[in-house]
Amino acid sequence: MTETAQCPFCELRFSARWELKLHLDAEHEGRVRDKDDAHVAIEENDPDNPKPL
């Protein structure tokens, strides 16, 4: 079974994480912030009901 990654801001799903990252950079610009330790943090639109990646 292949792993799919869903955009936390819309219904799109991707077969690879790099595709999701490109989508986030292009379609949801400004909602993803890089942390100092090189991890990517995604700004949730509803912190009480977070959506999975």
PDB file of N, CA and C in Angstrom:
ATOM      1  N   MET A   1       0.835  -1.175   0.000  1.00  0.00           N
ATOM      2  CA  MET A   1       0.000   0.000   0.000  1.00  0.00           C
ATOM      3  C   MET A   1       0.883   1.243   0.000  1.00  0.00           C
ATOM      4  N   THR A   2       0.571   2.185  -0.865  1.00  0.00           N
ATOM      5  CA  THR A   2       1.380   3.390  -0.952  1.00  0.00           C
ATOM      6  C   THR A   2       0.864   4.449   0.009  1.00  0.00           C
ATOM      7  N   GLU A   3       1.761   5.265   0.477  1.00  0.00           N
ATOM      8  CA  GLU A   3       1.410   6.335   1.395  1.00  0.00           C
ATOM      9  C   GLU A   3       0.981   7.561   0.595  1.00  0.00           C
ATOM     10  N   THR A   4      -0.098   8.175   0.982  1.00  0.00           N
ATOM     11  CA  THR A   4      -0.532   9.408   0.342  1.00  0.00           C
ATOM     12  C   THR A   4      -0.496  10.527   1.371  1.00  0.00           C
ATOM     13  N   ALA A   5      -0.241  11.717   0.887  1.00  0.00           N
ATOM     14  CA  ALA A   5      -0.201  12.891   1.755  1.00  0.00           C
ATOM     15  C   ALA A   5      -1.299  13.844   1.313  1.00  0.00           C
ATOM     16  N   GLN A   6      -2.137  14.258   2.252  1.00  0.00           N
ATOM     17  CA  GLN A   6      -3.234  15.177   1.937  1.00  0.00           C
ATOM     18  C   GLN A   6      -2.873  16.576   2.395  1.00  0.00           C
ATOM     19  N   CYS A   7      -3.210  17.533   1.569  1.00  0.00           N
ATOM     20  CA  CYS A   7      -3.003  18.932   1.920  1.00  0.00           C
ATOM     21  C   CYS A   7      -3.885  19.271   3.124  1.00  0.00           C
ATOM     22  N   PRO A   8      -3.332  19.912   4.154  1.00  0.00           N
ATOM     23  CA  PRO A   8      -4.137  20.254   5.329  1.00  0.00           C
ATOM     24  C   PRO A   8      -5.090  21.431   5.094  1.00  0.00           C
ATOM     25  N   PHE A   9      -4.981  22.082   3.940  1.00  0.00           N
ATOM     26  CA  PHE A   9      -5.801  23.253   3.662  1.00  0.00           C
ATOM     27  C   PHE A   9      -6.862  23.022   2.589  1.00  0.00           C
ATOM     28  N   CYS A  10      -6.756  21.929   1.849  1.00  0.00           N
ATOM     29  CA  CYS A  10      -7.747  21.630   0.812  1.00  0.00           C
ATOM     30  C   CYS A  10      -7.854  20.107   0.673  1.00  0.00           C
ATOM     31  N   GLU A  11      -8.609  19.623  -0.259  1.00  0.00           N
ATOM     32  CA  GLU A  11      -8.886  18.191  -0.384  1.00  0.00           C
ATOM     33  C   GLU A  11      -7.881  17.432  -1.249  1.00  0.00           C
ATOM     34  N   LEU A  12      -6.881  18.107  -1.795  1.00  0.00           N
ATOM     35  CA  LEU A  12      -5.944  17.444  -2.697  1.00  0.00           C
ATOM     36  C   LEU A  12      -5.060  16.445  -1.965  1.00  0.00           C
ATOM     37  N   ARG A  13      -4.759  15.335  -2.646  1.00  0.00           N
ATOM     38  CA  ARG A  13      -3.869  14.300  -2.107  1.00  0.00           C
ATOM     39  C   ARG A  13      -2.740  14.059  -3.081  1.00  0.00           C
ATOM     40  N   PHE A  14      -1.571  13.708  -2.536  1.00  0.00           N
ATOM     41  CA  PHE A  14      -0.369  13.536  -3.339  1.00  0.00           C
ATOM     42  C   PHE A  14       0.300  12.223  -2.980  1.00  0.00           C
ATOM     43  N   SER A  15       0.940  11.618  -3.975  1.00  0.00           N
ATOM     44  CA  SER A  15       1.589  10.324  -3.748  1.00  0.00           C
ATOM     45  C   SER A  15       2.990  10.479  -3.165  1.00  0.00           C
ATOM     46  N   ALA A  16       3.537  11.680  -3.186  1.00  0.00           N
ATOM     47  CA  ALA A  16       4.878  11.921  -2.646  1.00  0.00           C
ATOM     48  C   ALA A  16       4.882  13.207  -1.827  1.00  0.00           C
ATOM     49  N   ARG A  17       5.694  13.221  -0.781  1.00  0.00           N
ATOM     50  CA  ARG A  17       5.780  14.404   0.094  1.00  0.00           C
ATOM     51  C   ARG A  17       6.285  15.628  -0.656  1.00  0.00           C
ATOM     52  N   TRP A  18       7.217  15.438  -1.607  1.00  0.00           N
ATOM     53  CA  TRP A  18       7.759  16.589  -2.343  1.00  0.00           C
ATOM     54  C   TRP A  18       6.661  17.246  -3.186  1.00  0.00           C
ATOM     55  N   GLU A  19       5.709  16.463  -3.683  1.00  0.00           N
ATOM     56  CA  GLU A  19       4.594  17.034  -4.435  1.00  0.00           C
ATOM     57  C   GLU A  19       3.719  17.895  -3.520  1.00  0.00           C
ATOM     58  N   LEU A  20       3.492  17.403  -2.311  1.00  0.00           N
ATOM     59  CA  LEU A  20       2.729  18.170  -1.332  1.00  0.00           C
ATOM     60  C   LEU A  20       3.442  19.480  -1.010  1.00  0.00           C
ATOM     61  N   LYS A  21       4.762  19.425  -0.810  1.00  0.00           N
ATOM     62  CA  LYS A  21       5.523  20.632  -0.500  1.00  0.00           C
ATOM     63  C   LYS A  21       5.435  21.643  -1.637  1.00  0.00           C
ATOM     64  N   LEU A  22       5.566  21.182  -2.874  1.00  0.00           N
ATOM     65  CA  LEU A  22       5.441  22.090  -4.015  1.00  0.00           C
ATOM     66  C   LEU A  22       4.050  22.721  -4.064  1.00  0.00           C
ATOM     67  N   HIS A  23       3.033  21.917  -3.804  1.00  0.00           N
ATOM     68  CA  HIS A  23       1.657  22.418  -3.783  1.00  0.00           C
ATOM     69  C   HIS A  23       1.489  23.474  -2.695  1.00  0.00           C
ATOM     70  N   LEU A  24       1.979  23.209  -1.498  1.00  0.00           N
ATOM     71  CA  LEU A  24       1.863  24.164  -0.396  1.00  0.00           C
ATOM     72  C   LEU A  24       2.575  25.471  -0.732  1.00  0.00           C
ATOM     73  N   ASP A  25       3.770  25.369  -1.335  1.00  0.00           N
ATOM     74  CA  ASP A  25       4.522  26.568  -1.705  1.00  0.00           C
ATOM     75  C   ASP A  25       3.789  27.386  -2.766  1.00  0.00           C
ATOM     76  N   ALA A  26       3.136  26.714  -3.707  1.00  0.00           N
ATOM     77  CA  ALA A  26       2.488  27.412  -4.814  1.00  0.00           C
ATOM     78  C   ALA A  26       1.080  27.895  -4.479  1.00  0.00           C
ATOM     79  N   GLU A  27       0.284  27.063  -3.834  1.00  0.00           N
ATOM     80  CA  GLU A  27      -1.132  27.368  -3.627  1.00  0.00           C
ATOM     81  C   GLU A  27      -1.463  27.957  -2.258  1.00  0.00           C
ATOM     82  N   HIS A  28      -0.651  27.676  -1.265  1.00  0.00           N
ATOM     83  CA  HIS A  28      -0.938  28.143   0.102  1.00  0.00           C
ATOM     84  C   HIS A  28       0.270  28.898   0.643  1.00  0.00           C
ATOM     85  N   GLU A  29       0.775  29.798  -0.167  1.00  0.00           N
ATOM     86  CA  GLU A  29       1.973  30.557   0.179  1.00  0.00           C
ATOM     87  C   GLU A  29       1.761  31.347   1.468  1.00  0.00           C
ATOM     88  N   GLY A  30       2.738  31.311   2.348  1.00  0.00           N
ATOM     89  CA  GLY A  30       2.669  32.044   3.604  1.00  0.00           C
ATOM     90  C   GLY A  30       2.073  31.260   4.761  1.00  0.00           C
ATOM     91  N   ARG A  31       1.485  30.108   4.489  1.00  0.00           N
ATOM     92  CA  ARG A  31       0.880  29.313   5.570  1.00  0.00           C
ATOM     93  C   ARG A  31       1.852  28.278   6.113  1.00  0.00           C
ATOM     94  N   VAL A  32       2.992  28.094   5.444  1.00  0.00           N
ATOM     95  CA  VAL A  32       3.999  27.140   5.890  1.00  0.00           C
ATOM     96  C   VAL A  32       5.225  27.929   6.309  1.00  0.00           C
ATOM     97  N   ARG A  33       5.695  27.654   7.521  1.00  0.00           N
ATOM     98  CA  ARG A  33       6.862  28.349   8.053  1.00  0.00           C
ATOM     99  C   ARG A  33       7.964  27.343   8.330  1.00  0.00           C
ATOM    100  N   ASP A  34       9.204  27.688   7.975  1.00  0.00           N
ATOM    101  CA  ASP A  34      10.356  26.854   8.306  1.00  0.00           C
ATOM    102  C   ASP A  34      10.805  27.180   9.716  1.00  0.00           C
ATOM    103  N   LYS A  35      11.042  26.150  10.526  1.00  0.00           N
ATOM    104  CA  LYS A  35      11.571  26.337  11.871  1.00  0.00           C
ATOM    105  C   LYS A  35      13.091  26.433  11.794  1.00  0.00           C
ATOM    106  N   ASP A  36      13.708  26.857  12.860  1.00  0.00           N
ATOM    107  CA  ASP A  36      15.159  26.985  12.902  1.00  0.00           C
ATOM    108  C   ASP A  36      15.863  25.644  12.799  1.00  0.00           C
ATOM    109  N   ASP A  37      15.233  24.563  13.249  1.00  0.00           N
ATOM    110  CA  ASP A  37      15.877  23.248  13.241  1.00  0.00           C
ATOM    111  C   ASP A  37      15.589  22.470  11.955  1.00  0.00           C
ATOM    112  N   ALA A  38      15.227  23.168  10.876  1.00  0.00           N
ATOM    113  CA  ALA A  38      15.035  22.610   9.538  1.00  0.00           C
ATOM    114  C   ALA A  38      13.777  21.753   9.394  1.00  0.00           C
ATOM    115  N   HIS A  39      12.891  21.775  10.372  1.00  0.00           N
ATOM    116  CA  HIS A  39      11.606  21.099  10.219  1.00  0.00           C
ATOM    117  C   HIS A  39      10.601  22.099   9.654  1.00  0.00           C
ATOM    118  N   VAL A  40       9.622  21.604   8.960  1.00  0.00           N
ATOM    119  CA  VAL A  40       8.601  22.471   8.398  1.00  0.00           C
ATOM    120  C   VAL A  40       7.389  22.473   9.318  1.00  0.00           C
ATOM    121  N   ALA A  41       6.919  23.638   9.662  1.00  0.00           N
ATOM    122  CA  ALA A  41       5.726  23.785  10.491  1.00  0.00           C
ATOM    123  C   ALA A  41       4.602  24.307   9.616  1.00  0.00           C
ATOM    124  N   ILE A  42       3.453  23.679   9.697  1.00  0.00           N
ATOM    125  CA  ILE A  42       2.303  24.097   8.909  1.00  0.00           C
ATOM    126  C   ILE A  42       1.323  24.809   9.826  1.00  0.00           C
ATOM    127  N   GLU A  43       0.995  26.025   9.453  1.00  0.00           N
ATOM    128  CA  GLU A  43       0.065  26.810  10.248  1.00  0.00           C
ATOM    129  C   GLU A  43      -1.333  26.252  10.063  1.00  0.00           C
ATOM    130  N   GLU A  44      -1.919  25.789  11.138  1.00  0.00           N
ATOM    131  CA  GLU A  44      -3.264  25.210  11.087  1.00  0.00           C
ATOM    132  C   GLU A  44      -4.306  26.309  11.042  1.00  0.00           C
ATOM    133  N   ASN A  45      -5.344  26.104  10.266  1.00  0.00           N
ATOM    134  CA  ASN A  45      -6.409  27.081  10.230  1.00  0.00           C
ATOM    135  C   ASN A  45      -7.390  26.889  11.384  1.00  0.00           C
ATOM    136  N   ASP A  46      -7.390  25.719  12.022  1.00  0.00           N
ATOM    137  CA  ASP A  46      -8.231  25.457  13.184  1.00  0.00           C
ATOM    138  C   ASP A  46      -7.427  24.608  14.170  1.00  0.00           C
ATOM    139  N   PRO A  47      -6.785  25.216  15.168  1.00  0.00           N
ATOM    140  CA  PRO A  47      -5.934  24.460  16.085  1.00  0.00           C
ATOM    141  C   PRO A  47      -6.685  23.441  16.933  1.00  0.00           C
ATOM    142  N   ASP A  48      -7.993  23.607  17.091  1.00  0.00           N
ATOM    143  CA  ASP A  48      -8.775  22.646  17.873  1.00  0.00           C
ATOM    144  C   ASP A  48      -9.179  21.427  17.060  1.00  0.00           C
ATOM    145  N   ASN A  49      -9.041  21.499  15.735  1.00  0.00           N
ATOM    146  CA  ASN A  49      -9.405  20.405  14.873  1.00  0.00           C
ATOM    147  C   ASN A  49      -8.365  20.277  13.749  1.00  0.00           C
ATOM    148  N   PRO A  50      -7.129  19.886  14.079  1.00  0.00           N
ATOM    149  CA  PRO A  50      -6.081  19.814  13.053  1.00  0.00           C
ATOM    150  C   PRO A  50      -6.353  18.697  12.059  1.00  0.00           C
ATOM    151  N   LYS A  51      -5.970  18.918  10.820  1.00  0.00           N
ATOM    152  CA  LYS A  51      -6.136  17.914   9.773  1.00  0.00           C
ATOM    153  C   LYS A  51      -4.805  17.203   9.554  1.00  0.00           C
ATOM    154  N   PRO A  52      -4.807  15.891   9.300  1.00  0.00           N
ATOM    155  CA  PRO A  52      -3.556  15.172   9.083  1.00  0.00           C
ATOM    156  C   PRO A  52      -2.920  15.537   7.749  1.00  0.00           C
ATOM    157  N   LEU A  53      -1.618  15.344   7.662  1.00  0.00           N
ATOM    158  CA  LEU A  53      -0.933  15.573   6.388  1.00  0.00           C
ATOM    159  C   LEU A  53      -1.213  14.481   5.427  1.00  0.00           C
TER     160      LEU A  53
END
